[in-house]
Structure formats: structure tokens, C-alpha cells
Protein backbone atom coordinates (compact mmCIF):
# COMPACT_ATOMS: atom_id res chain seq x y z
CA MET A 1 0.00 0.00 0.00
CA SER A 2 3.09 2.16 -0.02
CA ILE A 3 4.26 4.28 -2.96
CA PRO A 4 7.78 3.29 -4.00
CA ASN A 5 10.56 5.89 -3.63
CA ILE A 6 8.48 8.12 -1.34
CA PRO A 7 9.24 7.75 2.37
CA GLU A 8 6.34 6.49 4.47
CA TRP A 9 6.41 9.58 6.71
CA LEU A 10 6.00 11.83 3.67
CA GLN A 11 3.11 9.73 2.39
CA VAL A 12 1.38 10.07 5.77
CA PHE A 13 2.04 13.81 5.80
CA ILE A 14 0.64 14.35 2.29
CA VAL A 15 -2.44 12.15 2.79
CA SER A 16 -3.25 13.98 6.04
CA MET A 17 -3.28 17.30 4.16
CA ILE A 18 -5.79 16.12 1.54
CA PRO A 19 -9.48 16.94 2.07
CA ILE A 20 -11.70 13.91 2.75
CA SER A 21 -8.85 11.51 3.65
CA GLU A 22 -7.16 13.75 6.24
CA LEU A 23 -6.30 11.78 9.41
CA ARG A 24 -8.75 8.99 8.59
CA GLY A 25 -6.59 7.98 5.65
CA ALA A 26 -3.15 9.02 6.85
CA ILE A 27 -3.04 7.20 10.19
CA PRO A 28 -4.14 3.81 8.82
CA LEU A 29 -1.67 4.23 5.94
CA GLY A 30 1.24 4.84 8.29
CA LEU A 31 0.33 2.05 10.71
CA ILE A 32 -0.23 -0.48 7.93
CA ASN A 33 3.17 0.44 6.50
CA GLY A 34 4.81 -0.38 9.84
CA MET A 35 5.46 3.05 11.28
CA GLN A 36 5.34 3.60 15.03
CA TRP A 37 1.95 4.81 16.27
CA TRP A 38 3.35 7.93 17.95
CA GLU A 39 5.30 8.87 14.83
CA VAL A 40 2.23 8.43 12.62
CA TYR A 41 0.08 10.45 15.03
CA ILE A 42 2.50 13.40 15.16
CA ILE A 43 3.11 13.52 11.39
CA ALA A 44 -0.59 13.13 10.52
CA VAL A 45 -1.70 15.79 13.01
CA ILE A 46 0.90 18.29 11.78
CA GLY A 47 -0.03 17.58 8.16
CA ASN A 48 -3.73 17.92 8.88
CA ILE A 49 -3.31 21.20 10.76
CA LEU A 50 -0.91 22.81 8.27
CA PRO A 51 -3.56 23.89 5.68
CA VAL A 52 -5.99 25.27 8.29
CA PRO A 53 -4.59 28.81 8.77
CA PHE A 54 -4.28 29.19 5.00
CA ILE A 55 -7.87 28.06 4.47
CA LEU A 56 -9.14 30.42 7.17
CA LYS A 57 -7.16 33.40 5.86
CA LEU A 58 -7.35 32.85 2.09
CA LEU A 59 -10.84 31.48 1.54
CA TYR A 60 -12.47 34.91 1.35
CA PRO A 61 -10.17 36.43 -1.31
CA VAL A 62 -10.12 33.20 -3.31
CA GLU A 63 -13.91 32.90 -3.17
CA LYS A 64 -14.37 36.55 -4.12
CA PHE A 65 -12.03 36.20 -7.10
CA LEU A 66 -13.41 32.88 -8.39
CA ARG A 67 -17.08 33.83 -8.05
CA LYS A 68 -16.60 36.06 -11.09
CA TRP A 69 -17.06 32.92 -13.22
CA LYS A 70 -20.43 31.14 -13.39
CA LYS A 71 -19.12 27.61 -12.78
CA TRP A 72 -17.09 28.66 -9.76
CA ASP A 73 -20.00 30.70 -8.43
CA ALA A 74 -22.25 27.64 -8.74
CA PHE A 75 -19.61 25.44 -7.08
CA PHE A 76 -19.18 27.79 -4.10
CA SER A 77 -22.94 28.18 -3.72
CA TRP A 78 -23.35 24.37 -3.65
CA LEU A 79 -20.36 23.84 -1.33
CA PHE A 80 -21.42 26.51 1.14
CA GLU A 81 -25.04 25.36 1.24
CA HIS A 82 -23.96 21.73 1.71
CA THR A 83 -21.55 22.71 4.50
CA ARG A 84 -24.14 24.90 6.24
CA LYS A 85 -26.63 22.02 6.28
CA ARG A 86 -24.06 19.63 7.80
CA THR A 87 -22.63 22.01 10.39
CA GLU A 88 -25.21 24.66 11.28
CA GLU A 89 -26.93 22.88 14.13
CA LYS A 90 -23.72 21.97 15.99
CA ILE A 91 -21.76 25.11 15.35
CA LYS A 92 -24.49 27.73 15.77
CA LYS A 93 -25.78 26.11 18.93
CA TRP A 94 -22.49 25.14 20.55
CA GLU A 95 -20.01 27.46 18.75
CA SER A 96 -16.49 26.52 19.92
CA ILE A 97 -17.45 23.17 21.45
CA GLY A 98 -19.53 22.39 18.38
CA LEU A 99 -16.62 23.16 16.06
CA ILE A 100 -14.25 21.03 18.15
CA LEU A 101 -16.70 18.10 18.17
CA PHE A 102 -17.40 18.44 14.46
CA VAL A 103 -13.69 18.35 13.57
CA ALA A 104 -12.98 15.60 16.12
CA THR A 105 -15.58 13.23 14.67
CA PRO A 106 -13.62 10.93 12.36
CA LEU A 107 -16.25 10.48 9.66
CA PRO A 108 -16.23 11.39 5.98
CA VAL A 109 -16.82 15.11 5.37
CA THR A 110 -15.91 16.09 8.91
CA GLY A 111 -12.45 17.26 9.81
CA ALA A 112 -10.12 20.21 9.54
CA TRP A 113 -11.05 21.22 5.99
CA THR A 114 -14.81 21.22 6.53
CA GLY A 115 -14.37 22.71 10.00
CA SER A 116 -12.34 25.56 8.49
CA LEU A 117 -15.02 26.11 5.88
CA ALA A 118 -17.73 26.12 8.57
CA ALA A 119 -15.75 28.60 10.69
CA TYR A 120 -15.52 30.86 7.63
CA LEU A 121 -19.21 30.53 6.81
CA PHE A 122 -20.31 31.38 10.35
CA ASN A 123 -17.81 34.26 10.65
CA LEU A 124 -16.03 32.79 13.65
CA GLU A 125 -12.95 34.67 14.84
CA PHE A 126 -9.65 33.41 13.34
CA ARG A 127 -7.69 32.57 16.51
CA ARG A 128 -10.65 30.92 18.19
CA SER A 129 -11.41 28.90 15.06
CA LEU A 130 -7.79 27.85 14.70
CA LEU A 131 -7.60 26.74 18.34
CA CYS A 132 -10.88 24.79 18.06
CA ILE A 133 -9.85 23.09 14.83
CA ILE A 134 -6.43 22.14 16.22
CA THR A 135 -8.12 20.70 19.32
CA GLY A 136 -10.54 18.74 17.13
CA VAL A 137 -7.68 17.40 14.99
CA LEU A 138 -5.78 16.27 18.10
CA ILE A 139 -8.88 14.43 19.38
CA ALA A 140 -9.63 12.88 15.97
CA GLY A 141 -6.03 11.68 15.78
CA VAL A 142 -6.35 9.96 19.15
CA ILE A 143 -9.63 8.32 18.10
CA VAL A 144 -8.33 7.05 14.76
CA THR A 145 -5.00 5.88 16.21
CA THR A 146 -6.71 4.11 19.11
CA ALA A 147 -9.23 2.45 16.80
CA MET A 148 -6.47 1.21 14.50
CA LEU A 149 -4.35 -0.10 17.40
CA ALA A 150 -7.44 -1.86 18.79
CA GLY A 151 -7.80 -3.68 15.48
CA ILE A 152 -10.71 -1.65 14.16
CA ARG A 153 -9.78 -1.09 10.53
CA ILE A 154 -11.11 2.23 9.33
CA PHE A 155 -10.50 3.46 5.82
CA PHE A 156 -12.43 6.55 4.88
């Protein structure tokens, strides 16, 4: 399951940065390839957190620029509506705790990327959002690592 000529740690790092797979794909990849659990956890968490400040800071100017084109405008409208439906109840009601729990839940379409998008959509303050998302990523990493070490094979 490993890609030849690319070190396992780098594979874990890259997979953890990709939306959808994030930690749920990176941690199983590293453990299956024989890496130490603590090493996989640290690399996957760092990789998963790395895009978050950029998403939070750059989403507005990127959205504003790309919405000039019909297809991008339609894409952002769909993406934002879909994200609002999935996150509104938790985040509006519980704010910080809701964002942490949303990011910490290791299911498809939850995680740092969607949490960052939700924080943007609900105009949450940058530092608070970043802290909540990092906390959620740390918790999700513990859940996925523990599940894998307990023999529960999860591949999302």
C-alpha cells in the first residue's frame, strides 16, 4: 500500500493534508506500513493542521475572485449550502465546542477542511477557530490511532 521511492512519513504527511482523507486515511496508511503509532500520530496531526490557517485566511479572497465565473459561483454556492446544512446545528448552537466536536468526529466530510469552511461561513474569529480546529484534529487523531491499534480497521 506504499508508494515506491516516497518515504512512508512523507506519504502520511501528504495524505493527512488532503481533504476527505485527512487523518482517517493518513493514520491507517502509516500504521499499515509499519510506522510507530506515535510517529504516525504526530506527522498526521501536523499535516492535517498545516492547511488550516491558510484556508481560514485565504478562503475569502479566493472565493471573491473565483465567483466572477459562473461555474465557480455555482460550485461555491453548492459547497457553502452543503456545508451549512451539515454544520449549522452543531456550530451555531455550541459554537467553539460544536466546532471542536465536528472536527474531532472521524467520519467522511468532517475534519479540519470542513471545520475551516464552517468557521468561515459562520464568521467565527480566526484565533478561536484555529484553536478549536487544532483541538478537534488532536482528538480525531487519538480516536483514529486508538481504533487502529485496537484492530478496528477504518479506511475513509
